[in-house]
Amino acid sequence: MLIAEHFISSLTKGYGSGSKLSISRDGGTWYPEACQFLKLDHHTRSSYEKSIIERTMQYIKDRIESFDDYFPYSNENCKLKHVQNW
């Protein structure tokens, strides 16, 4: 619970906190207590919603991997030339 609280707290520092901020969770038992302590709204996603989110993230990862195949990243003295080429 303390790790979840620290993680969510770091997100609120970057994105703000308030009535518009809502935490979606996957059923982990540590999130409700952390959200209550931080006074944040939270709700659980259904299995159907989670599968759609997972599929979307996999699609994005596949597209990024395809991009990397054509414009590979080199660690030595990288000047983001591969991004400029794209």
PDB file of N, CA and C in Angstrom:
ATOM      1  N   MET A   1       0.817  -1.186   0.000  1.00  0.00           N
ATOM      2  CA  MET A   1       0.000   0.000   0.000  1.00  0.00           C
ATOM      3  C   MET A   1       0.859   1.248   0.000  1.00  0.00           C
ATOM      4  N   LEU A   2       1.958   1.240   0.720  1.00  0.00           N
ATOM      5  CA  LEU A   2       2.835   2.408   0.770  1.00  0.00           C
ATOM      6  C   LEU A   2       3.489   2.675  -0.589  1.00  0.00           C
ATOM      7  N   ILE A   3       3.855   1.617  -1.299  1.00  0.00           N
ATOM      8  CA  ILE A   3       4.449   1.788  -2.627  1.00  0.00           C
ATOM      9  C   ILE A   3       3.416   2.355  -3.593  1.00  0.00           C
ATOM     10  N   ALA A   4       2.187   1.836  -3.535  1.00  0.00           N
ATOM     11  CA  ALA A   4       1.112   2.348  -4.395  1.00  0.00           C
ATOM     12  C   ALA A   4       0.834   3.812  -4.070  1.00  0.00           C
ATOM     13  N   GLU A   5       0.819   4.146  -2.800  1.00  0.00           N
ATOM     14  CA  GLU A   5       0.597   5.530  -2.392  1.00  0.00           C
ATOM     15  C   GLU A   5       1.705   6.438  -2.917  1.00  0.00           C
ATOM     16  N   HIS A   6       2.946   6.005  -2.802  1.00  0.00           N
ATOM     17  CA  HIS A   6       4.071   6.800  -3.288  1.00  0.00           C
ATOM     18  C   HIS A   6       3.984   6.987  -4.805  1.00  0.00           C
ATOM     19  N   PHE A   7       3.648   5.914  -5.521  1.00  0.00           N
ATOM     20  CA  PHE A   7       3.531   5.990  -6.974  1.00  0.00           C
ATOM     21  C   PHE A   7       2.414   6.944  -7.392  1.00  0.00           C
ATOM     22  N   ILE A   8       1.238   6.795  -6.786  1.00  0.00           N
ATOM     23  CA  ILE A   8       0.104   7.661  -7.136  1.00  0.00           C
ATOM     24  C   ILE A   8       0.400   9.102  -6.742  1.00  0.00           C
ATOM     25  N   SER A   9       1.054   9.295  -5.613  1.00  0.00           N
ATOM     26  CA  SER A   9       1.424  10.639  -5.178  1.00  0.00           C
ATOM     27  C   SER A   9       2.364  11.299  -6.175  1.00  0.00           C
ATOM     28  N   SER A  10       3.315  10.525  -6.718  1.00  0.00           N
ATOM     29  CA  SER A  10       4.231  11.094  -7.719  1.00  0.00           C
ATOM     30  C   SER A  10       3.485  11.473  -8.995  1.00  0.00           C
ATOM     31  N   LEU A  11       2.430  10.728  -9.328  1.00  0.00           N
ATOM     32  CA  LEU A  11       1.625  11.084 -10.498  1.00  0.00           C
ATOM     33  C   LEU A  11       0.856  12.377 -10.267  1.00  0.00           C
ATOM     34  N   THR A  12       0.335  12.552  -9.052  1.00  0.00           N
ATOM     35  CA  THR A  12      -0.425  13.773  -8.773  1.00  0.00           C
ATOM     36  C   THR A  12       0.479  15.000  -8.789  1.00  0.00           C
ATOM     37  N   LYS A  13       1.750  14.827  -8.465  1.00  0.00           N
ATOM     38  CA  LYS A  13       2.680  15.958  -8.538  1.00  0.00           C
ATOM     39  C   LYS A  13       2.904  16.383  -9.976  1.00  0.00           C
ATOM     40  N   GLY A  14       2.927  15.406 -10.887  1.00  0.00           N
ATOM     41  CA  GLY A  14       3.150  15.721 -12.293  1.00  0.00           C
ATOM     42  C   GLY A  14       1.903  16.156 -13.037  1.00  0.00           C
ATOM     43  N   TYR A  15       0.753  15.610 -12.637  1.00  0.00           N
ATOM     44  CA  TYR A  15      -0.482  15.872 -13.368  1.00  0.00           C
ATOM     45  C   TYR A  15      -1.514  16.631 -12.562  1.00  0.00           C
ATOM     46  N   GLY A  16      -1.204  16.946 -11.329  1.00  0.00           N
ATOM     47  CA  GLY A  16      -2.133  17.685 -10.488  1.00  0.00           C
ATOM     48  C   GLY A  16      -3.103  16.762  -9.780  1.00  0.00           C
ATOM     49  N   SER A  17      -3.715  17.275  -8.765  1.00  0.00           N
ATOM     50  CA  SER A  17      -4.733  16.512  -8.046  1.00  0.00           C
ATOM     51  C   SER A  17      -5.978  17.371  -7.982  1.00  0.00           C
ATOM     52  N   GLY A  18      -7.055  16.773  -7.690  1.00  0.00           N
ATOM     53  CA  GLY A  18      -8.307  17.526  -7.607  1.00  0.00           C
ATOM     54  C   GLY A  18      -9.476  16.676  -8.042  1.00  0.00           C
ATOM     55  N   SER A  19     -10.600  17.328  -8.230  1.00  0.00           N
ATOM     56  CA  SER A  19     -11.822  16.598  -8.525  1.00  0.00           C
ATOM     57  C   SER A  19     -11.802  15.939  -9.897  1.00  0.00           C
ATOM     58  N   LYS A  20     -10.996  16.427 -10.827  1.00  0.00           N
ATOM     59  CA  LYS A  20     -10.949  15.853 -12.165  1.00  0.00           C
ATOM     60  C   LYS A  20     -10.066  14.618 -12.242  1.00  0.00           C
ATOM     61  N   LEU A  21      -9.201  14.408 -11.275  1.00  0.00           N
ATOM     62  CA  LEU A  21      -8.283  13.277 -11.291  1.00  0.00           C
ATOM     63  C   LEU A  21      -8.990  12.032 -10.762  1.00  0.00           C
ATOM     64  N   SER A  22      -8.940  10.956 -11.557  1.00  0.00           N
ATOM     65  CA  SER A  22      -9.568   9.704 -11.171  1.00  0.00           C
ATOM     66  C   SER A  22      -8.616   8.566 -11.487  1.00  0.00           C
ATOM     67  N   ILE A  23      -8.494   7.628 -10.596  1.00  0.00           N
ATOM     68  CA  ILE A  23      -7.591   6.499 -10.754  1.00  0.00           C
ATOM     69  C   ILE A  23      -8.389   5.280 -11.205  1.00  0.00           C
ATOM     70  N   SER A  24      -7.985   4.686 -12.319  1.00  0.00           N
ATOM     71  CA  SER A  24      -8.579   3.426 -12.771  1.00  0.00           C
ATOM     72  C   SER A  24      -7.652   2.310 -12.334  1.00  0.00           C
ATOM     73  N   ARG A  25      -8.220   1.254 -11.804  1.00  0.00           N
ATOM     74  CA  ARG A  25      -7.382   0.184 -11.293  1.00  0.00           C
ATOM     75  C   ARG A  25      -7.847  -1.160 -11.823  1.00  0.00           C
ATOM     76  N   ASP A  26      -6.997  -2.157 -11.645  1.00  0.00           N
ATOM     77  CA  ASP A  26      -7.267  -3.487 -12.174  1.00  0.00           C
ATOM     78  C   ASP A  26      -7.691  -4.487 -11.115  1.00  0.00           C
ATOM     79  N   GLY A  27      -8.046  -4.055  -9.960  1.00  0.00           N
ATOM     80  CA  GLY A  27      -8.489  -4.967  -8.910  1.00  0.00           C
ATOM     81  C   GLY A  27      -7.471  -5.191  -7.815  1.00  0.00           C
ATOM     82  N   GLY A  28      -6.306  -4.555  -7.906  1.00  0.00           N
ATOM     83  CA  GLY A  28      -5.295  -4.682  -6.860  1.00  0.00           C
ATOM     84  C   GLY A  28      -5.836  -4.170  -5.538  1.00  0.00           C
ATOM     85  N   THR A  29      -5.613  -4.926  -4.475  1.00  0.00           N
ATOM     86  CA  THR A  29      -6.205  -4.590  -3.179  1.00  0.00           C
ATOM     87  C   THR A  29      -5.531  -3.399  -2.494  1.00  0.00           C
ATOM     88  N   TRP A  30      -4.380  -3.002  -2.964  1.00  0.00           N
ATOM     89  CA  TRP A  30      -3.648  -1.922  -2.303  1.00  0.00           C
ATOM     90  C   TRP A  30      -4.066  -0.551  -2.803  1.00  0.00           C
ATOM     91  N   TYR A  31      -4.729  -0.449  -3.938  1.00  0.00           N
ATOM     92  CA  TYR A  31      -5.095   0.860  -4.487  1.00  0.00           C
ATOM     93  C   TYR A  31      -6.194   1.583  -3.717  1.00  0.00           C
ATOM     94  N   PRO A  32      -7.269   0.917  -3.259  1.00  0.00           N
ATOM     95  CA  PRO A  32      -8.312   1.665  -2.562  1.00  0.00           C
ATOM     96  C   PRO A  32      -7.813   2.422  -1.336  1.00  0.00           C
ATOM     97  N   GLU A  33      -6.986   1.780  -0.535  1.00  0.00           N
ATOM     98  CA  GLU A  33      -6.463   2.453   0.659  1.00  0.00           C
ATOM     99  C   GLU A  33      -5.575   3.621   0.293  1.00  0.00           C
ATOM    100  N   ALA A  34      -4.719   3.436  -0.720  1.00  0.00           N
ATOM    101  CA  ALA A  34      -3.825   4.512  -1.144  1.00  0.00           C
ATOM    102  C   ALA A  34      -4.636   5.691  -1.674  1.00  0.00           C
ATOM    103  N   CYS A  35      -5.661   5.416  -2.469  1.00  0.00           N
ATOM    104  CA  CYS A  35      -6.492   6.483  -3.018  1.00  0.00           C
ATOM    105  C   CYS A  35      -7.289   7.186  -1.927  1.00  0.00           C
ATOM    106  N   GLN A  36      -7.793   6.434  -0.956  1.00  0.00           N
ATOM    107  CA  GLN A  36      -8.520   7.054   0.155  1.00  0.00           C
ATOM    108  C   GLN A  36      -7.602   7.968   0.954  1.00  0.00           C
ATOM    109  N   PHE A  37      -6.386   7.523   1.195  1.00  0.00           N
ATOM    110  CA  PHE A  37      -5.433   8.338   1.951  1.00  0.00           C
ATOM    111  C   PHE A  37      -5.113   9.631   1.201  1.00  0.00           C
ATOM    112  N   LEU A  38      -4.994   9.547  -0.134  1.00  0.00           N
ATOM    113  CA  LEU A  38      -4.679  10.722  -0.947  1.00  0.00           C
ATOM    114  C   LEU A  38      -5.926  11.507  -1.352  1.00  0.00           C
ATOM    115  N   LYS A  39      -7.111  11.041  -0.906  1.00  0.00           N
ATOM    116  CA  LYS A  39      -8.389  11.684  -1.206  1.00  0.00           C
ATOM    117  C   LYS A  39      -8.632  11.786  -2.716  1.00  0.00           C
ATOM    118  N   LEU A  40      -8.449  10.643  -3.411  1.00  0.00           N
ATOM    119  CA  LEU A  40      -8.655  10.576  -4.850  1.00  0.00           C
ATOM    120  C   LEU A  40      -9.791   9.612  -5.175  1.00  0.00           C
ATOM    121  N   ASP A  41     -10.524   9.935  -6.223  1.00  0.00           N
ATOM    122  CA  ASP A  41     -11.573   9.049  -6.714  1.00  0.00           C
ATOM    123  C   ASP A  41     -10.927   7.878  -7.438  1.00  0.00           C
ATOM    124  N   HIS A  42     -11.462   6.685  -7.284  1.00  0.00           N
ATOM    125  CA  HIS A  42     -10.918   5.523  -7.982  1.00  0.00           C
ATOM    126  C   HIS A  42     -12.042   4.564  -8.351  1.00  0.00           C
ATOM    127  N   HIS A  43     -11.829   3.793  -9.398  1.00  0.00           N
ATOM    128  CA  HIS A  43     -12.795   2.786  -9.813  1.00  0.00           C
ATOM    129  C   HIS A  43     -12.065   1.625 -10.477  1.00  0.00           C
ATOM    130  N   THR A  44     -12.734   0.479 -10.510  1.00  0.00           N
ATOM    131  CA  THR A  44     -12.159  -0.733 -11.078  1.00  0.00           C
ATOM    132  C   THR A  44     -12.678  -0.928 -12.499  1.00  0.00           C
ATOM    133  N   ARG A  45     -11.783  -1.285 -13.401  1.00  0.00           N
ATOM    134  CA  ARG A  45     -12.164  -1.575 -14.781  1.00  0.00           C
ATOM    135  C   ARG A  45     -12.647  -3.013 -14.896  1.00  0.00           C
ATOM    136  N   SER A  46     -13.594  -3.258 -15.795  1.00  0.00           N
ATOM    137  CA  SER A  46     -14.093  -4.615 -16.018  1.00  0.00           C
ATOM    138  C   SER A  46     -13.073  -5.416 -16.823  1.00  0.00           C
ATOM    139  N   SER A  47     -13.258  -6.710 -16.861  1.00  0.00           N
ATOM    140  CA  SER A  47     -12.353  -7.568 -17.637  1.00  0.00           C
ATOM    141  C   SER A  47     -12.389  -7.204 -19.110  1.00  0.00           C
ATOM    142  N   TYR A  48     -13.558  -6.866 -19.617  1.00  0.00           N
ATOM    143  CA  TYR A  48     -13.695  -6.464 -21.023  1.00  0.00           C
ATOM    144  C   TYR A  48     -12.886  -5.192 -21.298  1.00  0.00           C
ATOM    145  N   GLU A  49     -13.023  -4.193 -20.431  1.00  0.00           N
ATOM    146  CA  GLU A  49     -12.282  -2.945 -20.608  1.00  0.00           C
ATOM    147  C   GLU A  49     -10.778  -3.185 -20.526  1.00  0.00           C
ATOM    148  N   LYS A  50     -10.359  -4.021 -19.578  1.00  0.00           N
ATOM    149  CA  LYS A  50      -8.927  -4.317 -19.437  1.00  0.00           C
ATOM    150  C   LYS A  50      -8.385  -4.988 -20.691  1.00  0.00           C
ATOM    151  N   SER A  51      -9.148  -5.894 -21.293  1.00  0.00           N
ATOM    152  CA  SER A  51      -8.661  -6.583 -22.494  1.00  0.00           C
ATOM    153  C   SER A  51      -8.525  -5.610 -23.663  1.00  0.00           C
ATOM    154  N   ILE A  52      -9.449  -4.659 -23.771  1.00  0.00           N
ATOM    155  CA  ILE A  52      -9.349  -3.649 -24.836  1.00  0.00           C
ATOM    156  C   ILE A  52      -8.111  -2.777 -24.621  1.00  0.00           C
ATOM    157  N   ILE A  53      -7.877  -2.369 -23.385  1.00  0.00           N
ATOM    158  CA  ILE A  53      -6.711  -1.543 -23.074  1.00  0.00           C
ATOM    159  C   ILE A  53      -5.428  -2.312 -23.373  1.00  0.00           C
ATOM    160  N   GLU A  54      -5.364  -3.582 -22.962  1.00  0.00           N
ATOM    161  CA  GLU A  54      -4.171  -4.396 -23.214  1.00  0.00           C
ATOM    162  C   GLU A  54      -3.925  -4.561 -24.710  1.00  0.00           C
ATOM    163  N   ARG A  55      -4.983  -4.781 -25.484  1.00  0.00           N
ATOM    164  CA  ARG A  55      -4.831  -4.947 -26.932  1.00  0.00           C
ATOM    165  C   ARG A  55      -4.346  -3.652 -27.573  1.00  0.00           C
ATOM    166  N   THR A  56      -4.857  -2.521 -27.121  1.00  0.00           N
ATOM    167  CA  THR A  56      -4.416  -1.228 -27.647  1.00  0.00           C
ATOM    168  C   THR A  56      -2.946  -0.999 -27.348  1.00  0.00           C
ATOM    169  N   MET A  57      -2.523  -1.309 -26.121  1.00  0.00           N
ATOM    170  CA  MET A  57      -1.112  -1.130 -25.761  1.00  0.00           C
ATOM    171  C   MET A  57      -0.225  -2.052 -26.585  1.00  0.00           C
ATOM    172  N   GLN A  58      -0.668  -3.287 -26.842  1.00  0.00           N
ATOM    173  CA  GLN A  58       0.110  -4.206 -27.666  1.00  0.00           C
ATOM    174  C   GLN A  58       0.228  -3.687 -29.089  1.00  0.00           C
ATOM    175  N   TYR A  59      -0.832  -3.096 -29.620  1.00  0.00           N
ATOM    176  CA  TYR A  59      -0.805  -2.509 -30.956  1.00  0.00           C
ATOM    177  C   TYR A  59       0.228  -1.380 -31.018  1.00  0.00           C
ATOM    178  N   ILE A  60       0.230  -0.528 -30.003  1.00  0.00           N
ATOM    179  CA  ILE A  60       1.201   0.581 -29.967  1.00  0.00           C
ATOM    180  C   ILE A  60       2.621   0.039 -29.899  1.00  0.00           C
ATOM    181  N   LYS A  61       2.850  -0.984 -29.068  1.00  0.00           N
ATOM    182  CA  LYS A  61       4.185  -1.589 -28.972  1.00  0.00           C
ATOM    183  C   LYS A  61       4.625  -2.179 -30.303  1.00  0.00           C
ATOM    184  N   ASP A  62       3.704  -2.843 -31.002  1.00  0.00           N
ATOM    185  CA  ASP A  62       4.030  -3.417 -32.311  1.00  0.00           C
ATOM    186  C   ASP A  62       4.414  -2.336 -33.301  1.00  0.00           C
ATOM    187  N   ARG A  63       3.697  -1.225 -33.298  1.00  0.00           N
ATOM    188  CA  ARG A  63       4.007  -0.123 -34.216  1.00  0.00           C
ATOM    189  C   ARG A  63       5.371   0.492 -33.894  1.00  0.00           C
ATOM    190  N   ILE A  64       5.684   0.641 -32.618  1.00  0.00           N
ATOM    191  CA  ILE A  64       6.985   1.186 -32.215  1.00  0.00           C
ATOM    192  C   ILE A  64       8.102   0.246 -32.637  1.00  0.00           C
ATOM    193  N   GLU A  65       7.877  -1.054 -32.482  1.00  0.00           N
ATOM    194  CA  GLU A  65       8.886  -2.028 -32.882  1.00  0.00           C
ATOM    195  C   GLU A  65       9.128  -1.964 -34.390  1.00  0.00           C
ATOM    196  N   SER A  66       8.081  -1.796 -35.179  1.00  0.00           N
ATOM    197  CA  SER A  66       8.238  -1.657 -36.632  1.00  0.00           C
ATOM    198  C   SER A  66       9.043  -0.410 -36.971  1.00  0.00           C
ATOM    199  N   PHE A  67       8.776   0.669 -36.260  1.00  0.00           N
ATOM    200  CA  PHE A  67       9.534   1.904 -36.468  1.00  0.00           C
ATOM    201  C   PHE A  67      11.012   1.671 -36.179  1.00  0.00           C
ATOM    202  N   ASP A  68      11.300   0.966 -35.099  1.00  0.00           N
ATOM    203  CA  ASP A  68      12.682   0.704 -34.715  1.00  0.00           C
ATOM    204  C   ASP A  68      13.390  -0.187 -35.725  1.00  0.00           C
ATOM    205  N   ASP A  69      12.655  -1.057 -36.412  1.00  0.00           N
ATOM    206  CA  ASP A  69      13.267  -1.902 -37.448  1.00  0.00           C
ATOM    207  C   ASP A  69      13.817  -1.052 -38.588  1.00  0.00           C
ATOM    208  N   TYR A  70      13.109   0.001 -38.959  1.00  0.00           N
ATOM    209  CA  TYR A  70      13.540   0.861 -40.059  1.00  0.00           C
ATOM    210  C   TYR A  70      14.508   1.956 -39.626  1.00  0.00           C
ATOM    211  N   PHE A  71      14.383   2.405 -38.396  1.00  0.00           N
ATOM    212  CA  PHE A  71      15.235   3.477 -37.876  1.00  0.00           C
ATOM    213  C   PHE A  71      15.811   3.061 -36.534  1.00  0.00           C
ATOM    214  N   PRO A  72      16.775   2.146 -36.534  1.00  0.00           N
ATOM    215  CA  PRO A  72      17.291   1.624 -35.261  1.00  0.00           C
ATOM    216  C   PRO A  72      18.005   2.686 -34.434  1.00  0.00           C
ATOM    217  N   TYR A  73      17.974   2.465 -33.166  1.00  0.00           N
ATOM    218  CA  TYR A  73      18.611   3.365 -32.212  1.00  0.00           C
ATOM    219  C   TYR A  73      20.044   2.921 -31.968  1.00  0.00           C
ATOM    220  N   SER A  74      20.969   3.856 -32.050  1.00  0.00           N
ATOM    221  CA  SER A  74      22.349   3.524 -31.706  1.00  0.00           C
ATOM    222  C   SER A  74      22.709   4.259 -30.418  1.00  0.00           C
ATOM    223  N   ASN A  75      23.331   3.577 -29.512  1.00  0.00           N
ATOM    224  CA  ASN A  75      23.658   4.165 -28.219  1.00  0.00           C
ATOM    225  C   ASN A  75      24.842   5.115 -28.268  1.00  0.00           C
ATOM    226  N   GLU A  76      25.767   4.887 -29.186  1.00  0.00           N
ATOM    227  CA  GLU A  76      26.993   5.678 -29.207  1.00  0.00           C
ATOM    228  C   GLU A  76      26.742   7.050 -29.830  1.00  0.00           C
ATOM    229  N   ASN A  77      26.943   8.085 -29.038  1.00  0.00           N
ATOM    230  CA  ASN A  77      26.838   9.469 -29.497  1.00  0.00           C
ATOM    231  C   ASN A  77      25.551   9.727 -30.275  1.00  0.00           C
ATOM    232  N   CYS A  78      24.456   9.266 -29.782  1.00  0.00           N
ATOM    233  CA  CYS A  78      23.168   9.420 -30.459  1.00  0.00           C
ATOM    234  C   CYS A  78      22.776  10.890 -30.520  1.00  0.00           C
ATOM    235  N   LYS A  79      22.447  11.346 -31.706  1.00  0.00           N
ATOM    236  CA  LYS A  79      21.968  12.714 -31.892  1.00  0.00           C
ATOM    237  C   LYS A  79      20.554  12.706 -32.455  1.00  0.00           C
ATOM    238  N   LEU A  80      19.855  11.598 -32.231  1.00  0.00           N
ATOM    239  CA  LEU A  80      18.486  11.411 -32.694  1.00  0.00           C
ATOM    240  C   LEU A  80      18.358  11.534 -34.208  1.00  0.00           C
ATOM    241  N   LYS A  81      19.418  11.165 -34.922  1.00  0.00           N
ATOM    242  CA  LYS A  81      19.414  11.199 -36.375  1.00  0.00           C
ATOM    243  C   LYS A  81      18.348  10.270 -36.942  1.00  0.00           C
ATOM    244  N   HIS A  82      18.113   9.136 -36.265  1.00  0.00           N
ATOM    245  CA  HIS A  82      17.105   8.192 -36.738  1.00  0.00           C
ATOM    246  C   HIS A  82      15.710   8.796 -36.718  1.00  0.00           C
ATOM    247  N   VAL A  83      15.456   9.691 -35.767  1.00  0.00           N
ATOM    248  CA  VAL A  83      14.162  10.358 -35.717  1.00  0.00           C
ATOM    249  C   VAL A  83      14.069  11.412 -36.824  1.00  0.00           C
ATOM    250  N   GLN A  84      15.169  12.117 -37.056  1.00  0.00           N
ATOM    251  CA  GLN A  84      15.172  13.110 -38.135  1.00  0.00           C
ATOM    252  C   GLN A  84      15.005  12.436 -39.494  1.00  0.00           C
ATOM    253  N   ASN A  85      15.611  11.276 -39.692  1.00  0.00           N
ATOM    254  CA  ASN A  85      15.458  10.541 -40.947  1.00  0.00           C
ATOM    255  C   ASN A  85      14.009  10.140 -41.181  1.00  0.00           C
ATOM    256  N   TRP A  86      13.348   9.786 -40.116  1.00  0.00           N
ATOM    257  CA  TRP A  86      11.951   9.391 -40.246  1.00  0.00           C
ATOM    258  C   TRP A  86      11.106  10.561 -40.669  1.00  0.00           C
TER     259      TRP A  86
END
